[in-house]
Protein backbone atom coordinates (compact mmCIF):
# COMPACT_ATOMS: atom_id res chain seq x y z
CA MET A 1 -0.11 -0.05 0.08
CA THR A 2 2.83 2.34 0.70
CA GLU A 3 4.33 1.86 -2.64
CA LEU A 4 1.13 2.40 -4.42
CA LEU A 5 0.59 5.55 -2.59
CA PHE A 6 3.97 6.64 -3.48
CA VAL A 7 3.26 6.11 -7.21
CA VAL A 8 -0.30 7.79 -7.03
CA LEU A 9 1.26 10.82 -5.05
CA ASN A 10 3.96 11.30 -7.68
CA MET A 11 1.59 11.16 -10.62
CA THR A 12 -0.70 13.64 -8.78
CA ASP A 13 2.17 16.00 -8.30
CA ALA A 14 2.90 15.65 -11.97
CA GLY A 15 -0.70 16.34 -12.96
CA LEU A 16 -0.99 19.34 -10.61
CA THR A 17 2.41 20.73 -11.89
CA ASN A 18 1.07 20.40 -15.46
CA ILE A 19 -2.07 22.38 -14.57
CA GLY A 20 0.12 24.92 -12.81
CA LEU A 21 2.32 25.32 -15.82
CA GLN A 22 -0.60 25.90 -18.02
CA LEU A 23 -1.79 28.53 -15.78
CA GLY A 24 1.48 30.35 -15.77
CA ALA A 25 3.46 28.74 -12.86
CA VAL A 26 7.09 27.85 -13.09
CA GLU A 27 8.71 24.59 -12.38
CA VAL A 28 11.36 25.03 -9.60
CA ASN A 29 12.53 21.55 -9.33
CA PRO A 30 15.66 21.42 -11.54
CA LEU A 31 15.44 17.65 -12.00
CA MET A 32 11.71 17.71 -13.14
CA SER A 33 12.19 20.58 -15.36
CA MET A 34 14.54 18.39 -17.47
CA VAL A 35 12.32 15.32 -17.52
CA GLY A 36 8.97 17.39 -17.66
CA SER A 37 5.99 16.76 -15.68
CA VAL A 38 4.31 13.94 -17.47
CA PRO A 39 2.36 11.84 -15.13
CA VAL A 40 3.38 8.62 -16.71
CA ILE A 41 7.08 9.43 -16.54
CA LYS A 42 6.78 10.64 -12.97
CA GLY A 43 4.96 7.21 -12.16
CA LEU A 44 7.86 5.26 -13.86
CA ILE A 45 10.41 7.18 -11.95
CA ALA A 46 8.49 6.36 -8.83
CA VAL A 47 8.40 2.64 -9.87
CA ALA A 48 12.22 2.79 -10.44
CA LEU A 49 12.84 4.37 -6.97
CA ILE A 50 10.52 1.63 -5.41
CA ALA A 51 12.54 -1.08 -7.01
CA ALA A 52 15.84 0.53 -5.93
CA ASP A 53 14.57 0.71 -2.25
CA ARG A 54 13.44 -2.91 -2.36
CA LYS A 55 16.73 -4.04 -3.66
CA PHE A 56 19.20 -1.86 -1.57
CA GLY A 57 17.12 -0.33 1.26
CA SER A 58 14.95 -1.25 3.98
CA GLY A 59 11.66 0.38 2.90
CA TRP A 60 11.85 3.38 4.97
CA ALA A 61 12.85 5.68 1.96
CA ILE A 62 9.44 5.07 0.30
CA TRP A 63 7.59 5.69 3.71
CA PHE A 64 9.55 8.96 4.11
CA GLY A 65 9.13 9.75 0.31
CA ASN A 66 5.32 9.73 0.92
CA HIS A 67 5.41 12.39 3.43
CA ILE A 68 7.44 14.62 1.26
CA VAL A 69 5.66 14.12 -1.82
CA PHE A 70 2.34 14.49 0.00
CA THR A 71 3.57 17.81 1.22
CA VAL A 72 4.28 18.83 -2.42
CA VAL A 73 0.94 17.75 -3.58
CA VAL A 74 -0.78 19.87 -0.97
CA TRP A 75 1.46 22.93 -1.77
CA ASN A 76 0.70 22.41 -5.60
CA SER A 77 -2.84 22.11 -4.92
CA PHE A 78 -2.94 25.55 -3.07
CA MET A 79 -0.78 27.12 -5.92
CA VAL A 80 -3.09 25.80 -8.56
CA MET A 81 -6.18 27.22 -6.46
CA LYS A 82 -4.22 30.54 -6.05
CA LEU A 83 -3.80 30.83 -9.90
CA VAL A 84 -7.34 29.73 -10.74
CA LEU A 85 -8.59 32.32 -8.33
CA GLY A 86 -6.42 35.06 -9.80
CA GLY A 87 -4.13 35.48 -6.82
């Protein structure tokens, strides 16, 4: 469940970023500005990180990552709402 949440949160982040970019926002993450904010690509990157964590880690990285990406999704949600409302 933790791993599925990680993928869903990352794809949600990419989707919200796309909406924000269409509304005039700017991507501030230098890594994602190179890759783009395509939800499928972000999902594939998340799956690759999960695989690496399974092979080399103890599982805590995905748990911790969920907290970080959740925070980013909440932030992006507020930024999109602000752009939509004209703020």
